[in-house]
Amino acid sequence: MPSAWVFPVYRLMILFVGPLLMWGSGGGALGQEAPEKGGVAVAPPVIRLAPVAGATESPVVTALAIDPSGAYAAAAGDDHMIRIFSLSDILAPFPQSALLDGHRDWVQGIEFSADGKLLATCAKDGKLQVWKRQESQRDDPGAITAWSRLWSIEVPHALFCLKFIGDQSLVVAGFDPSIYRLDLGTLQWSIDHRSESADVRALAVSAGRNYLAYGGRDGVVRVQAITSRGESLREGGFAIAAHNHRVRGLCFSQDDSTLMSVGEDRRLVGIDCTTRTVQYQSDLGAGRLMAIERLADDRYAVSGSDNTIRIVRPLDGSQLEDPSEVSLVESRWIGIKLIGHDGTIAVLRASGDHLFSGSFDTTIRSWEIAKALSGADSQGRFVHPVSAQYEDSSAREKIR
């Protein structure tokens, strides 16, 4: 398995190594203690993935995952390679990462299993790969020899999204009505679900692991009741025409009472899973929305083609002087904008008190959520500390 470098960005100090232009930090920090579960010990403001051998440019970032401990990340994009690297020693001058191959097209999805022992990837080449962490290297997932390919399959169409269902199953979908399921115990491959849309772009599994949500080209969000192993149940499902264009992201609330969705119609929609009706909806007036991630305190981060992340929270009656002003389908949100990327933000991941964003500008940026919430200016904007030179195209518009 080849290796690669991952470069942190701090004070925009340019280093030339051979023919490659790479960003470096003003200093390094070695021997960082491992973070508590779900937290990040040290995270640089910006990470840029180095080009692979023979390439001259860093890849755009289309897929990103943080392992459950918050210590490691996996990232991939248009160079078809998967990089696994430590978030706790990334401040070292040039930390190495594991480089996993096997894909022939853009990688669209990366997920760690709940225990961090498995890593799954899918791509436009129609291939699903499952990687297993070697027990002898369990404390160093970024080691070159730490991961081995456990299982792979290729289907005759692109794959766009995947999700683990506990430690029992893995579901994956793409440019076809089929939603595939891999039983992780038997490694049996099956089609347990079929969508009425032939282009599925988003999957979500409820925290209770009793519902699978999916959506795609037709704008309909579908929710299917499942067993603990991810098998489809005939009863208990529903569908809502939530969007006018492709659904791009789905996310359940922490208590599974609400399902949030974003789409290419620029709308953020909240679906009440009990009444099975639209509870909130808002046109954010931004570009196409591509990703959504749940944060603490009923907040959500959403991003898309306008290079901006919005942290929003739906208003309810308890937050207004006159609770009767809130309509179930009215566009009432509070939130801030995170400014810094210079390209479409394709993926968002939260870990502990940090939010990570991957973009077509070839960078992964980390944001301290509390600092962003408290440090927003009077217009509700927080500018990334390394990215003050970038300006959001709609920065002067207050979030709606």
Protein backbone atom coordinates (compact mmCIF):
# COMPACT_ATOMS: atom_id res chain seq x y z
CA MET A 1 0.00 0.00 0.00
CA PRO A 2 1.55 3.36 -0.95
CA SER A 3 1.89 6.27 1.41
CA ALA A 4 1.24 9.97 1.03
CA TRP A 5 1.63 13.23 2.86
CA VAL A 6 -1.11 15.34 4.44
CA PHE A 7 -0.24 18.99 4.86
CA PRO A 8 -1.66 21.32 7.52
CA VAL A 9 -2.02 25.01 6.71
CA TYR A 10 -1.36 27.61 9.37
CA ARG A 11 0.29 30.90 8.43
CA LEU A 12 0.14 30.56 4.68
CA MET A 13 3.85 29.84 4.62
CA ILE A 14 4.78 28.44 1.21
CA LEU A 15 7.20 25.55 0.97
CA PHE A 16 8.65 24.26 -2.28
CA VAL A 17 9.55 20.59 -2.36
CA GLY A 18 10.65 19.53 -5.81
CA PRO A 19 8.07 20.71 -8.35
CA LEU A 20 5.19 20.71 -5.86
CA LEU A 21 3.73 23.74 -4.13
CA MET A 22 2.71 22.73 -0.63
CA TRP A 23 1.43 24.56 2.39
CA GLY A 24 3.18 24.19 5.72
CA SER A 25 2.70 25.27 9.31
CA GLY A 26 4.82 27.68 11.22
CA GLY A 27 5.61 25.02 13.78
CA GLY A 28 4.94 21.46 14.79
CA ALA A 29 3.66 19.67 17.86
CA LEU A 30 4.58 16.08 18.47
CA GLY A 31 3.46 13.59 21.08
CA GLN A 32 -0.05 14.95 21.56
CA GLU A 33 -2.19 12.95 23.95
CA ALA A 34 -5.03 10.98 22.44
CA PRO A 35 -8.38 12.77 22.65
CA GLU A 36 -11.31 11.60 24.67
CA LYS A 37 -13.83 9.60 22.69
CA GLY A 38 -15.69 11.80 20.28
CA GLY A 39 -13.30 14.72 20.67
CA VAL A 40 -10.41 16.09 18.67
CA ALA A 41 -7.11 16.58 20.51
CA VAL A 42 -5.51 18.92 17.98
CA ALA A 43 -6.95 20.00 14.66
CA PRO A 44 -5.20 22.43 12.31
CA PRO A 45 -7.37 25.11 10.71
CA VAL A 46 -6.75 23.79 7.19
CA ILE A 47 -5.58 20.46 5.81
CA ARG A 48 -4.62 20.05 2.18
CA LEU A 49 -4.13 16.55 0.75
CA ALA A 50 -0.86 16.25 -1.15
CA PRO A 51 -0.88 15.11 -4.77
CA VAL A 52 -0.24 11.45 -5.44
CA ALA A 53 2.81 10.39 -7.41
CA GLY A 54 2.68 11.80 -10.92
CA ALA A 55 0.09 14.47 -10.08
CA THR A 56 0.76 18.18 -9.66
CA GLU A 57 -2.37 19.33 -7.83
CA SER A 58 -4.13 18.36 -4.62
CA PRO A 59 -7.44 16.53 -5.06
CA VAL A 60 -10.80 18.14 -4.50
CA VAL A 61 -12.41 16.70 -1.37
CA THR A 62 -15.71 14.91 -1.98
CA ALA A 63 -15.76 12.44 0.92
CA LEU A 64 -14.69 12.69 4.55
CA ALA A 65 -15.16 10.67 7.74
CA ILE A 66 -13.95 11.03 11.33
CA ASP A 67 -13.51 7.83 13.33
CA PRO A 68 -15.63 7.45 16.50
CA SER A 69 -12.74 8.36 18.83
CA GLY A 70 -12.19 11.65 17.02
CA ALA A 71 -8.50 10.83 16.63
CA TYR A 72 -8.37 9.98 12.92
CA ALA A 73 -9.87 11.05 9.63
CA ALA A 74 -10.31 9.49 6.21
CA ALA A 75 -10.63 11.68 3.13
CA ALA A 76 -10.92 11.18 -0.62
CA GLY A 77 -11.87 12.93 -3.82
CA ASP A 78 -11.20 13.15 -7.51
CA ASP A 79 -7.84 11.35 -7.51
CA HIS A 80 -9.62 8.11 -6.51
CA MET A 81 -7.41 7.52 -3.44
CA ILE A 82 -8.42 7.24 0.23
CA ARG A 83 -6.13 8.81 2.83
CA ILE A 84 -6.28 7.96 6.53
CA PHE A 85 -4.42 10.26 8.88
CA SER A 86 -4.21 11.22 12.55
CA LEU A 87 -5.83 14.41 13.76
CA SER A 88 -3.74 14.42 16.94
CA ASP A 89 -0.30 14.46 15.31
CA ILE A 90 -1.20 16.35 12.15
CA LEU A 91 0.76 19.32 13.49
CA ALA A 92 3.98 17.38 12.95
CA PRO A 93 5.97 18.94 10.09
CA PHE A 94 5.03 16.34 7.46
CA PRO A 95 2.92 13.52 8.94
CA GLN A 96 2.37 10.52 6.72
CA SER A 97 -0.98 8.95 6.00
CA ALA A 98 -2.12 5.56 4.86
CA LEU A 99 -3.11 5.60 1.20
CA LEU A 100 -5.76 3.07 0.16
CA ASP A 101 -6.46 2.40 -3.50
CA GLY A 102 -8.83 0.30 -5.60
CA HIS A 103 -11.18 2.94 -7.03
CA ARG A 104 -11.05 4.17 -10.63
CA ASP A 105 -13.32 7.22 -10.32
CA TRP A 106 -14.29 9.95 -7.86
CA VAL A 107 -14.85 8.62 -4.35
CA GLN A 108 -18.31 9.72 -3.17
CA GLY A 109 -18.73 8.17 0.27
CA ILE A 110 -16.57 7.18 3.26
CA GLU A 111 -17.83 5.83 6.58
CA PHE A 112 -16.22 4.37 9.70
CA SER A 113 -18.13 1.68 11.58
CA ALA A 114 -19.36 2.54 15.08
CA ASP A 115 -16.39 0.77 16.70
CA GLY A 116 -13.90 2.22 14.23
CA LYS A 117 -12.69 -1.21 13.12
CA LEU A 118 -14.14 -1.03 9.61
CA LEU A 119 -13.95 1.59 6.89
CA ALA A 120 -16.25 1.53 3.84
CA THR A 121 -15.82 3.50 0.62
CA CYS A 122 -17.92 3.86 -2.54
CA ALA A 123 -17.29 5.67 -5.80
CA LYS A 124 -18.61 6.59 -9.21
CA ASP A 125 -16.89 3.49 -10.59
CA GLY A 126 -19.66 1.41 -8.98
CA LYS A 127 -17.31 -0.21 -6.50
CA LEU A 128 -17.92 -0.70 -2.78
CA GLN A 129 -14.87 -1.52 -0.67
CA VAL A 130 -14.76 -2.50 3.00
CA TRP A 131 -11.46 -2.19 4.85
CA LYS A 132 -10.59 -3.77 8.20
CA ARG A 133 -8.24 -2.34 10.78
CA GLN A 134 -5.50 -4.77 11.78
CA GLU A 135 -5.65 -5.56 15.49
CA SER A 136 -1.87 -5.27 15.77
CA GLN A 137 -2.17 -1.67 14.54
CA ARG A 138 -5.39 -0.69 16.31
CA ASP A 139 -3.72 2.22 18.13
CA ASP A 140 -2.33 3.64 14.89
CA PRO A 141 -4.93 3.54 12.09
CA GLY A 142 -2.82 5.90 10.03
CA ALA A 143 0.01 3.38 9.82
CA ILE A 144 0.62 2.20 6.28
CA THR A 145 0.05 -1.44 7.25
CA ALA A 146 -2.95 -0.82 9.51
CA TRP A 147 -5.72 -1.52 6.99
CA SER A 148 -6.46 -4.46 4.72
CA ARG A 149 -9.26 -4.95 2.22
CA LEU A 150 -11.95 -7.18 3.74
CA TRP A 151 -14.50 -7.20 0.92
CA SER A 152 -15.34 -5.49 -2.35
CA ILE A 153 -17.93 -5.65 -5.10
CA GLU A 154 -18.67 -3.70 -8.25
CA VAL A 155 -22.12 -2.92 -9.63
CA PRO A 156 -22.90 -1.58 -13.15
CA HIS A 157 -23.67 1.97 -12.04
CA ALA A 158 -22.24 4.75 -9.91
CA LEU A 159 -22.48 4.55 -6.11
CA PHE A 160 -22.98 7.82 -4.23
CA CYS A 161 -23.70 7.15 -0.55
CA LEU A 162 -23.38 4.55 2.20
CA LYS A 163 -24.15 4.09 5.89
CA PHE A 164 -23.35 1.52 8.56
CA ILE A 165 -26.29 0.16 10.56
CA GLY A 166 -24.61 -0.56 13.88
CA ASP A 167 -22.14 -3.44 13.59
CA GLN A 168 -24.66 -5.56 11.70
CA SER A 169 -24.98 -4.18 8.19
CA LEU A 170 -23.87 -1.65 5.62
CA VAL A 171 -26.23 -0.05 3.11
CA VAL A 172 -25.13 1.64 -0.11
CA ALA A 173 -26.98 3.31 -3.00
CA GLY A 174 -26.39 5.24 -6.20
CA PHE A 175 -27.54 5.69 -9.78
CA ASP A 176 -30.17 2.93 -9.61
CA PRO A 177 -33.37 2.22 -7.63
CA SER A 178 -31.58 -0.57 -5.73
CA ILE A 179 -30.42 0.04 -2.18
CA TYR A 180 -27.93 -2.70 -1.41
CA ARG A 181 -27.21 -4.23 1.97
CA LEU A 182 -24.07 -6.04 3.07
CA ASP A 183 -24.48 -8.28 6.14
CA LEU A 184 -21.23 -7.71 8.03
CA GLY A 185 -21.50 -11.03 9.85
CA THR A 186 -21.96 -13.29 6.84
CA LEU A 187 -20.69 -10.89 4.12
CA GLN A 188 -23.88 -11.70 2.22
CA TRP A 189 -24.85 -9.10 -0.41
CA SER A 190 -28.53 -8.42 -1.11
CA ILE A 191 -31.04 -5.85 -2.35
CA ASP A 192 -33.38 -5.27 0.59
CA HIS A 193 -34.78 -1.91 -0.48
CA ARG A 194 -35.80 -0.33 -3.76
CA SER A 195 -36.46 3.35 -4.29
CA GLU A 196 -38.91 4.75 -6.81
CA SER A 197 -36.11 7.14 -7.76
CA ALA A 198 -33.36 5.75 -10.01
CA ASP A 199 -30.83 8.19 -8.58
CA VAL A 200 -30.32 7.94 -4.80
CA ARG A 201 -27.93 10.57 -3.40
CA ALA A 202 -28.48 10.48 0.36
CA LEU A 203 -28.95 7.90 3.11
CA ALA A 204 -29.54 8.28 6.85
CA VAL A 205 -30.05 5.77 9.64
CA SER A 206 -31.95 6.75 12.79
CA ALA A 207 -30.12 6.63 16.11
CA GLY A 208 -32.44 3.84 17.23
CA ARG A 209 -31.53 1.92 14.07
CA ASN A 210 -35.18 1.31 13.29
CA TYR A 211 -35.54 3.60 10.26
CA LEU A 212 -33.62 4.06 7.03
CA ALA A 213 -34.20 7.31 5.13
CA TYR A 214 -33.18 7.92 1.54
CA GLY A 215 -33.70 10.49 -1.20
CA GLY A 216 -32.49 11.50 -4.63
CA ARG A 217 -33.39 12.91 -8.01
CA ASP A 218 -37.19 13.06 -7.64
CA GLY A 219 -37.01 15.19 -4.46
CA VAL A 220 -39.02 12.69 -2.41
CA VAL A 221 -37.74 11.73 1.04
CA ARG A 222 -38.61 8.11 1.83
CA VAL A 223 -38.42 6.51 5.26
CA GLN A 224 -38.44 2.73 5.62
CA ALA A 225 -38.79 0.75 8.85
CA ILE A 226 -35.94 -1.74 9.28
CA THR A 227 -34.81 -4.49 11.62
CA SER A 228 -31.69 -4.14 13.76
CA ARG A 229 -29.78 -5.83 10.93
CA GLY A 230 -31.04 -3.32 8.38
CA GLU A 231 -33.55 -5.64 6.71
CA SER A 232 -36.63 -3.95 5.29
CA LEU A 233 -39.97 -4.23 7.09
CA ARG A 234 -43.14 -4.06 5.03
CA GLU A 235 -44.99 -1.82 7.47
CA GLY A 236 -44.07 1.50 9.03
CA GLY A 237 -42.66 3.45 6.09
CA PHE A 238 -43.73 6.74 4.52
CA ALA A 239 -42.73 9.19 1.79
CA ILE A 240 -42.91 12.99 1.54
CA ALA A 241 -42.32 15.17 -1.54
CA ALA A 242 -39.97 17.49 0.32
CA HIS A 243 -37.91 19.02 -2.52
CA ASN A 244 -38.30 20.26 -6.07
CA HIS A 245 -34.91 18.93 -7.15
CA ARG A 246 -32.40 16.31 -5.97
CA VAL A 247 -32.18 15.50 -2.28
CA ARG A 248 -28.50 15.77 -1.35
CA GLY A 249 -28.35 15.25 2.39
CA LEU A 250 -30.36 13.66 5.20
CA CYS A 251 -29.92 13.72 8.96
CA PHE A 252 -32.07 12.55 11.89
CA SER A 253 -32.33 14.65 15.04
CA GLN A 254 -30.69 13.24 18.15
CA ASP A 255 -33.99 11.86 19.47
CA ASP A 256 -35.13 10.65 16.02
CA SER A 257 -38.23 12.86 16.21
CA THR A 258 -37.25 14.93 13.18
CA LEU A 259 -35.64 14.13 9.84
CA MET A 260 -33.80 17.04 8.22
CA SER A 261 -33.09 17.18 4.49
CA VAL A 262 -31.29 19.51 2.08
CA GLY A 263 -31.45 19.62 -1.70
CA GLU A 264 -30.47 21.27 -4.93
CA ASP A 265 -33.57 23.48 -4.67
CA ARG A 266 -31.68 25.41 -1.93
CA ARG A 267 -34.19 24.33 0.69
CA LEU A 268 -33.75 22.95 4.17
CA VAL A 269 -36.71 20.86 5.29
CA GLY A 270 -37.60 19.34 8.66
CA ILE A 271 -39.98 16.36 8.69
CA ASP A 272 -41.82 15.34 11.86
CA CYS A 273 -41.35 11.58 12.06
CA THR A 274 -44.38 11.13 14.33
CA THR A 275 -46.97 13.07 12.33
CA ARG A 276 -45.14 12.37 9.05
CA THR A 277 -45.59 15.95 7.93
CA VAL A 278 -43.30 18.85 7.05
CA GLN A 279 -42.57 20.70 10.28
CA TYR A 280 -40.07 23.29 9.01
CA GLN A 281 -38.91 24.45 5.62
CA SER A 282 -36.74 27.30 4.48
CA ASP A 283 -35.22 28.55 1.24
CA LEU A 284 -31.81 29.65 2.46
CA GLY A 285 -31.29 31.81 -0.61
CA ALA A 286 -27.95 30.13 -1.19
CA GLY A 287 -26.53 27.88 -3.86
CA ARG A 288 -27.46 24.24 -4.20
CA LEU A 289 -27.30 22.61 -0.78
CA MET A 290 -25.07 19.54 -0.79
CA ALA A 291 -24.51 18.45 2.82
CA ILE A 292 -26.01 18.52 6.30
CA GLU A 293 -24.57 17.48 9.66
CA ARG A 294 -26.18 17.46 13.10
CA LEU A 295 -24.45 19.43 15.85
CA ALA A 296 -25.23 19.78 19.55
CA ASP A 297 -28.21 21.71 20.93
CA ASP A 298 -30.51 20.96 17.99
CA ARG A 299 -28.30 22.86 15.57
CA TYR A 300 -27.46 21.73 12.05
CA ALA A 301 -24.63 22.67 9.71
CA VAL A 302 -25.55 22.88 6.02
CA SER A 303 -23.37 23.71 3.03
CA GLY A 304 -23.35 23.79 -0.73
CA SER A 305 -22.27 25.47 -3.92
CA ASP A 306 -22.05 29.02 -2.56
CA ASN A 307 -18.86 28.14 -0.60
CA THR A 308 -20.59 28.85 2.72
CA ILE A 309 -21.53 26.82 5.79
CA ARG A 310 -24.66 27.82 7.66
CA ILE A 311 -25.22 26.75 11.25
CA VAL A 312 -28.94 26.91 11.84
CA ARG A 313 -31.47 26.00 14.48
CA PRO A 314 -35.23 25.90 13.86
CA LEU A 315 -37.22 28.31 15.98
CA ASP A 316 -40.01 27.00 18.16
CA GLY A 317 -42.51 28.80 20.34
CA SER A 318 -40.25 28.79 23.41
CA GLN A 319 -37.77 31.05 21.60
CA LEU A 320 -40.27 33.78 20.69
CA GLU A 321 -42.10 36.38 22.74
CA ASP A 322 -45.31 35.34 21.02
CA PRO A 323 -45.23 31.54 20.40
CA SER A 324 -48.34 31.80 18.24
CA GLU A 325 -46.22 33.50 15.57
CA VAL A 326 -44.61 30.19 14.61
CA SER A 327 -46.20 28.33 11.71
CA LEU A 328 -45.31 24.69 11.12
CA VAL A 329 -44.26 25.40 7.56
CA GLU A 330 -43.01 28.96 7.98
CA SER A 331 -39.40 29.82 7.19
CA ARG A 332 -38.20 30.72 10.69
CA TRP A 333 -34.58 29.93 11.48
CA ILE A 334 -31.76 31.41 13.50
CA GLY A 335 -28.13 30.89 12.64
CA ILE A 336 -24.75 32.11 11.43
CA LYS A 337 -22.56 31.75 8.35
CA LEU A 338 -19.04 30.30 8.28
CA ILE A 339 -16.92 31.96 5.59
CA GLY A 340 -13.61 30.64 4.30
CA HIS A 341 -13.90 28.09 1.53
CA ASP A 342 -13.33 29.04 -2.09
CA GLY A 343 -15.30 26.22 -3.70
CA THR A 344 -18.37 24.03 -3.31
CA ILE A 345 -18.48 22.45 0.15
CA ALA A 346 -19.39 18.86 -0.57
CA VAL A 347 -19.15 17.21 2.84
CA LEU A 348 -19.50 18.11 6.53
CA ARG A 349 -18.48 16.05 9.56
CA ALA A 350 -18.80 16.87 13.26
CA SER A 351 -16.60 15.41 15.98
CA GLY A 352 -16.75 16.64 19.55
CA ASP A 353 -16.50 20.43 19.53
CA HIS A 354 -15.19 20.63 15.95
CA LEU A 355 -16.84 20.74 12.55
CA PHE A 356 -14.84 19.59 9.52
CA SER A 357 -15.68 20.63 5.96
CA GLY A 358 -14.35 19.22 2.68
CA SER A 359 -14.45 21.30 -0.48
CA PHE A 360 -13.77 21.49 -4.18
CA ASP A 361 -11.14 24.11 -3.27
CA THR A 362 -8.98 21.07 -2.31
CA THR A 363 -8.99 21.82 1.43
CA ILE A 364 -10.43 20.36 4.60
CA ARG A 365 -11.13 23.07 7.15
CA SER A 366 -11.75 22.63 10.84
CA TRP A 367 -13.99 24.96 12.81
CA GLU A 368 -14.30 25.26 16.58
CA ILE A 369 -18.06 25.36 16.88
CA ALA A 370 -18.27 27.32 20.14
CA LYS A 371 -15.78 29.91 18.89
CA ALA A 372 -17.73 30.32 15.65
CA LEU A 373 -21.04 30.74 17.46
CA SER A 374 -19.65 33.31 19.90
CA GLY A 375 -17.41 35.08 17.41
CA ALA A 376 -19.85 35.89 14.62
CA ASP A 377 -20.04 39.55 13.61
CA SER A 378 -23.12 41.76 13.60
CA GLN A 379 -24.14 40.30 10.23
CA GLY A 380 -24.01 36.76 11.55
CA ARG A 381 -20.72 35.87 9.83
CA PHE A 382 -17.68 34.06 11.20
CA VAL A 383 -14.61 34.21 8.96
CA HIS A 384 -12.17 31.31 9.11
CA PRO A 385 -8.87 32.45 10.73
CA VAL A 386 -6.80 31.33 7.73
CA SER A 387 -9.25 32.46 5.10
CA ALA A 388 -9.95 36.13 5.60
CA GLN A 389 -9.09 36.71 1.95
CA TYR A 390 -12.21 34.83 0.85
CA GLU A 391 -15.60 36.50 0.68
CA ASP A 392 -18.97 34.80 0.51
CA SER A 393 -20.97 35.85 -2.54
CA SER A 394 -23.98 36.47 -0.32
CA ALA A 395 -22.12 37.58 2.79
CA ARG A 396 -24.13 40.77 3.13
CA GLU A 397 -27.39 38.88 3.29
CA LYS A 398 -28.59 37.90 6.72
CA ILE A 399 -29.51 34.27 7.06
CA ARG A 400 -33.18 33.59 6.57
